Amino acid sequence: MKTVIHVENLEETAKLAETVASYAKPGFVLCLAGDLGAGKTTFTQFLGASMGIEETINSPTFTIMKVYDHSLPLYHIDAYRLEGQTGDFELEEYIHGDGVAVIEWYRNIEEYLPAEYLSIEFKWIGETKRQCTIEGSGPYAEIAKTLSN
């Protein structure tokens, strides 16, 4: 299932993140795509806040992954520099773990992802406006469908 929505500003981005967070449970995998600066990390910050995480969430580009321990842990992974290599970082245990895995630049490590996940691709269509293409497989397809409402 694929859904395309538009977010006009940060408030609407936060609302989308809050809605996605309402589906978060152990093993939830969210894959994010989009150009540099398109809003992947900002979305993750809003998602974490909606999950009750009070720590500052920032891009793990140079560290590859940051773990935010909470009642439901958030594993924030940036695969920009990985291009098919996760072995050195043991990311599989987090991607298939007991928390929420948010993976920026997920296409670089697609072969390590589970068969079912939710993806959001952010595309600039204005100074503050983004087009979000949301796609899900398996149970995630229903989530993508509900986000169109």
C-alpha atoms as a PDB file:
ATOM      1  CA  MET A   1       0.000   0.000   0.000  1.00  0.00           C
ATOM      2  CA  LYS A   2       1.347   3.413  -0.979  1.00  0.00           C
ATOM      3  CA  THR A   3       0.035   6.747   0.279  1.00  0.00           C
ATOM      4  CA  VAL A   4       1.164  10.232  -0.727  1.00  0.00           C
ATOM      5  CA  ILE A   5       0.514  13.122   1.638  1.00  0.00           C
ATOM      6  CA  HIS A   6       1.838  16.657   1.935  1.00  0.00           C
ATOM      7  CA  VAL A   7       3.094  18.313   5.083  1.00  0.00           C
ATOM      8  CA  GLU A   8       3.113  22.089   4.905  1.00  0.00           C
ATOM      9  CA  ASN A   9       5.271  22.888   7.957  1.00  0.00           C
ATOM     10  CA  LEU A  10       6.947  21.549  11.087  1.00  0.00           C
ATOM     11  CA  GLU A  11       3.654  21.321  12.966  1.00  0.00           C
ATOM     12  CA  GLU A  12       2.219  18.977  10.342  1.00  0.00           C
ATOM     13  CA  THR A  13       5.448  16.972  10.316  1.00  0.00           C
ATOM     14  CA  ALA A  14       5.171  16.617  14.101  1.00  0.00           C
ATOM     15  CA  LYS A  15       1.551  15.467  13.753  1.00  0.00           C
ATOM     16  CA  LEU A  16       2.548  12.828  11.195  1.00  0.00           C
ATOM     17  CA  ALA A  17       5.333  11.623  13.500  1.00  0.00           C
ATOM     18  CA  GLU A  18       2.910  11.471  16.425  1.00  0.00           C
ATOM     19  CA  THR A  19       0.516   9.351  14.364  1.00  0.00           C
ATOM     20  CA  VAL A  20       3.299   6.989  13.293  1.00  0.00           C
ATOM     21  CA  ALA A  21       4.497   6.764  16.921  1.00  0.00           C
ATOM     22  CA  SER A  22       1.044   5.587  17.950  1.00  0.00           C
ATOM     23  CA  TYR A  23       1.763   2.359  16.029  1.00  0.00           C
ATOM     24  CA  ALA A  24       5.225   1.854  17.527  1.00  0.00           C
ATOM     25  CA  LYS A  25       5.817  -1.396  19.369  1.00  0.00           C
ATOM     26  CA  PRO A  26       8.776  -3.749  19.848  1.00  0.00           C
ATOM     27  CA  GLY A  27      10.173  -4.748  16.462  1.00  0.00           C
ATOM     28  CA  PHE A  28       8.689  -1.756  14.602  1.00  0.00           C
ATOM     29  CA  VAL A  29      10.886  -0.854  11.608  1.00  0.00           C
ATOM     30  CA  LEU A  30      10.593   2.572   9.983  1.00  0.00           C
ATOM     31  CA  CYS A  31      12.727   3.340   6.942  1.00  0.00           C
ATOM     32  CA  LEU A  32      13.301   6.928   5.846  1.00  0.00           C
ATOM     33  CA  ALA A  33      14.515   8.232   2.490  1.00  0.00           C
ATOM     34  CA  GLY A  34      15.014  11.636   0.924  1.00  0.00           C
ATOM     35  CA  ASP A  35      17.699  14.085  -0.055  1.00  0.00           C
ATOM     36  CA  LEU A  36      19.996  15.691   2.487  1.00  0.00           C
ATOM     37  CA  GLY A  37      17.981  18.174   4.515  1.00  0.00           C
ATOM     38  CA  ALA A  38      14.615  16.785   3.403  1.00  0.00           C
ATOM     39  CA  GLY A  39      13.462  16.163   6.989  1.00  0.00           C
ATOM     40  CA  LYS A  40      14.453  12.614   7.956  1.00  0.00           C
ATOM     41  CA  THR A  41      16.179  13.530  11.212  1.00  0.00           C
ATOM     42  CA  THR A  42      13.596  16.193  12.075  1.00  0.00           C
ATOM     43  CA  PHE A  43      10.876  13.582  11.633  1.00  0.00           C
ATOM     44  CA  THR A  44      12.837  11.200  13.900  1.00  0.00           C
ATOM     45  CA  GLN A  45      13.111  13.932  16.547  1.00  0.00           C
ATOM     46  CA  PHE A  46       9.332  14.375  16.517  1.00  0.00           C
ATOM     47  CA  LEU A  47       8.819  10.604  16.551  1.00  0.00           C
ATOM     48  CA  GLY A  48      11.091  10.212  19.581  1.00  0.00           C
ATOM     49  CA  ALA A  49       9.352  13.034  21.422  1.00  0.00           C
ATOM     50  CA  SER A  50       5.999  11.381  20.708  1.00  0.00           C
ATOM     51  CA  MET A  51       7.391   8.171  22.206  1.00  0.00           C
ATOM     52  CA  GLY A  52       8.309  10.065  25.376  1.00  0.00           C
ATOM     53  CA  ILE A  53      12.044  10.326  24.727  1.00  0.00           C
ATOM     54  CA  GLU A  54      13.354  13.515  26.324  1.00  0.00           C
ATOM     55  CA  GLU A  55      16.958  13.275  25.119  1.00  0.00           C
ATOM     56  CA  THR A  56      18.111  15.397  22.200  1.00  0.00           C
ATOM     57  CA  ILE A  57      17.898  13.300  19.043  1.00  0.00           C
ATOM     58  CA  ASN A  58      20.380  14.243  16.362  1.00  0.00           C
ATOM     59  CA  SER A  59      21.765  12.683  13.222  1.00  0.00           C
ATOM     60  CA  PRO A  60      23.918   9.585  13.693  1.00  0.00           C
ATOM     61  CA  THR A  61      25.671  10.138  10.340  1.00  0.00           C
ATOM     62  CA  PHE A  62      29.171   9.812  11.775  1.00  0.00           C
ATOM     63  CA  THR A  63      28.384   7.304  14.528  1.00  0.00           C
ATOM     64  CA  ILE A  64      26.087   5.159  12.314  1.00  0.00           C
ATOM     65  CA  MET A  65      23.675   4.490  15.196  1.00  0.00           C
ATOM     66  CA  LYS A  66      22.412   6.076  18.387  1.00  0.00           C
ATOM     67  CA  VAL A  67      20.389   4.224  20.988  1.00  0.00           C
ATOM     68  CA  TYR A  68      17.811   6.084  23.059  1.00  0.00           C
ATOM     69  CA  ASP A  69      16.892   3.911  26.026  1.00  0.00           C
ATOM     70  CA  HIS A  70      13.306   4.292  27.055  1.00  0.00           C
ATOM     71  CA  SER A  71      10.425   1.973  27.932  1.00  0.00           C
ATOM     72  CA  LEU A  72      10.393   1.323  24.180  1.00  0.00           C
ATOM     73  CA  PRO A  73      13.965   1.894  22.939  1.00  0.00           C
ATOM     74  CA  LEU A  74      14.605   3.893  19.778  1.00  0.00           C
ATOM     75  CA  TYR A  75      17.455   2.731  17.537  1.00  0.00           C
ATOM     76  CA  HIS A  76      18.301   5.595  15.180  1.00  0.00           C
ATOM     77  CA  ILE A  77      20.446   4.291  12.323  1.00  0.00           C
ATOM     78  CA  ASP A  78      21.970   6.325   9.504  1.00  0.00           C
ATOM     79  CA  ALA A  79      23.060   4.013   6.671  1.00  0.00           C
ATOM     80  CA  TYR A  80      24.328   6.829   4.429  1.00  0.00           C
ATOM     81  CA  ARG A  81      27.937   5.617   4.654  1.00  0.00           C
ATOM     82  CA  LEU A  82      27.263   1.869   4.794  1.00  0.00           C
ATOM     83  CA  GLU A  83      26.315   0.794   1.250  1.00  0.00           C
ATOM     84  CA  GLY A  84      25.513  -2.843   2.032  1.00  0.00           C
ATOM     85  CA  GLN A  85      27.819  -3.307   5.005  1.00  0.00           C
ATOM     86  CA  THR A  86      26.265  -3.761   8.433  1.00  0.00           C
ATOM     87  CA  GLY A  87      28.427  -6.600   9.746  1.00  0.00           C
ATOM     88  CA  ASP A  88      31.039  -4.351  11.325  1.00  0.00           C
ATOM     89  CA  PHE A  89      28.331  -2.502  13.217  1.00  0.00           C
ATOM     90  CA  GLU A  90      26.126  -5.466  14.236  1.00  0.00           C
ATOM     91  CA  LEU A  91      23.033  -3.521  13.217  1.00  0.00           C
ATOM     92  CA  GLU A  92      20.923  -6.606  12.554  1.00  0.00           C
ATOM     93  CA  GLU A  93      20.319  -7.146  16.280  1.00  0.00           C
ATOM     94  CA  TYR A  94      18.820  -3.644  16.447  1.00  0.00           C
ATOM     95  CA  ILE A  95      16.924  -3.801  13.165  1.00  0.00           C
ATOM     96  CA  HIS A  96      15.365  -7.073  14.303  1.00  0.00           C
ATOM     97  CA  GLY A  97      15.401  -6.071  17.976  1.00  0.00           C
ATOM     98  CA  ASP A  98      12.961  -5.265  20.732  1.00  0.00           C
ATOM     99  CA  GLY A  99      12.728  -1.536  20.096  1.00  0.00           C
ATOM    100  CA  VAL A 100      11.797   0.805  17.279  1.00  0.00           C
ATOM    101  CA  ALA A 101      14.391   0.905  14.486  1.00  0.00           C
ATOM    102  CA  VAL A 102      14.407   4.116  12.443  1.00  0.00           C
ATOM    103  CA  ILE A 103      16.759   3.781   9.485  1.00  0.00           C
ATOM    104  CA  GLU A 104      17.749   6.786   7.405  1.00  0.00           C
ATOM    105  CA  TRP A 105      19.144   6.008   3.925  1.00  0.00           C
ATOM    106  CA  TYR A 106      17.735   2.493   4.321  1.00  0.00           C
ATOM    107  CA  ARG A 107      18.238   1.583   0.662  1.00  0.00           C
ATOM    108  CA  ASN A 108      21.971   1.243   1.354  1.00  0.00           C
ATOM    109  CA  ILE A 109      21.262  -1.779   3.565  1.00  0.00           C
ATOM    110  CA  GLU A 110      17.985  -3.119   2.144  1.00  0.00           C
ATOM    111  CA  GLU A 111      19.223  -6.711   2.105  1.00  0.00           C
ATOM    112  CA  TYR A 112      19.434  -6.622   5.928  1.00  0.00           C
ATOM    113  CA  LEU A 113      15.876  -5.385   6.458  1.00  0.00           C
ATOM    114  CA  PRO A 114      12.957  -7.584   7.430  1.00  0.00           C
ATOM    115  CA  ALA A 115      10.420  -8.399   4.718  1.00  0.00           C
ATOM    116  CA  GLU A 116       7.876  -6.068   6.321  1.00  0.00           C
ATOM    117  CA  TYR A 117       8.462  -2.436   7.270  1.00  0.00           C
ATOM    118  CA  LEU A 118       7.045   1.045   6.876  1.00  0.00           C
ATOM    119  CA  SER A 119       8.893   3.541   4.686  1.00  0.00           C
ATOM    120  CA  ILE A 120       8.521   7.276   4.258  1.00  0.00           C
ATOM    121  CA  GLU A 121      10.257   9.169   1.474  1.00  0.00           C
ATOM    122  CA  PHE A 122      10.520  12.930   1.956  1.00  0.00           C
ATOM    123  CA  LYS A 123      10.692  15.142  -1.109  1.00  0.00           C
ATOM    124  CA  TRP A 124      11.055  18.928  -1.150  1.00  0.00           C
ATOM    125  CA  ILE A 125       8.196  20.655  -2.951  1.00  0.00           C
ATOM    126  CA  GLY A 126       8.579  24.090  -1.397  1.00  0.00           C
ATOM    127  CA  GLU A 127      10.547  25.993   1.218  1.00  0.00           C
ATOM    128  CA  THR A 128       8.712  24.295   4.086  1.00  0.00           C
ATOM    129  CA  LYS A 129       6.449  21.879   2.207  1.00  0.00           C
ATOM    130  CA  ARG A 130       7.291  18.193   1.775  1.00  0.00           C
ATOM    131  CA  GLN A 131       5.694  15.381  -0.147  1.00  0.00           C
ATOM    132  CA  CYS A 132       5.743  12.201   1.931  1.00  0.00           C
ATOM    133  CA  THR A 133       5.365   8.929   0.087  1.00  0.00           C
ATOM    134  CA  ILE A 134       4.449   6.323   2.673  1.00  0.00           C
ATOM    135  CA  GLU A 135       4.581   2.652   1.844  1.00  0.00           C
ATOM    136  CA  GLY A 136       4.092  -0.449   3.923  1.00  0.00           C
ATOM    137  CA  SER A 137       4.107  -4.180   3.449  1.00  0.00           C
ATOM    138  CA  GLY A 138       2.312  -6.800   5.504  1.00  0.00           C
ATOM    139  CA  PRO A 139       0.757  -5.221   8.615  1.00  0.00           C
ATOM    140  CA  TYR A 140       2.520  -1.966   7.762  1.00  0.00           C
ATOM    141  CA  ALA A 141       0.313  -1.608   4.660  1.00  0.00           C
ATOM    142  CA  GLU A 142      -2.648  -0.888   6.920  1.00  0.00           C
ATOM    143  CA  ILE A 143      -0.652   1.828   8.701  1.00  0.00           C
ATOM    144  CA  ALA A 144       0.177   3.471   5.351  1.00  0.00           C
ATOM    145  CA  LYS A 145      -3.506   3.344   4.460  1.00  0.00           C
ATOM    146  CA  THR A 146      -4.609   5.006   7.714  1.00  0.00           C
ATOM    147  CA  LEU A 147      -2.077   7.812   7.251  1.00  0.00           C
ATOM    148  CA  SER A 148      -3.889   8.930   4.104  1.00  0.00           C
ATOM    149  CA  ASN A 149      -6.951   9.966   6.113  1.00  0.00           C
END
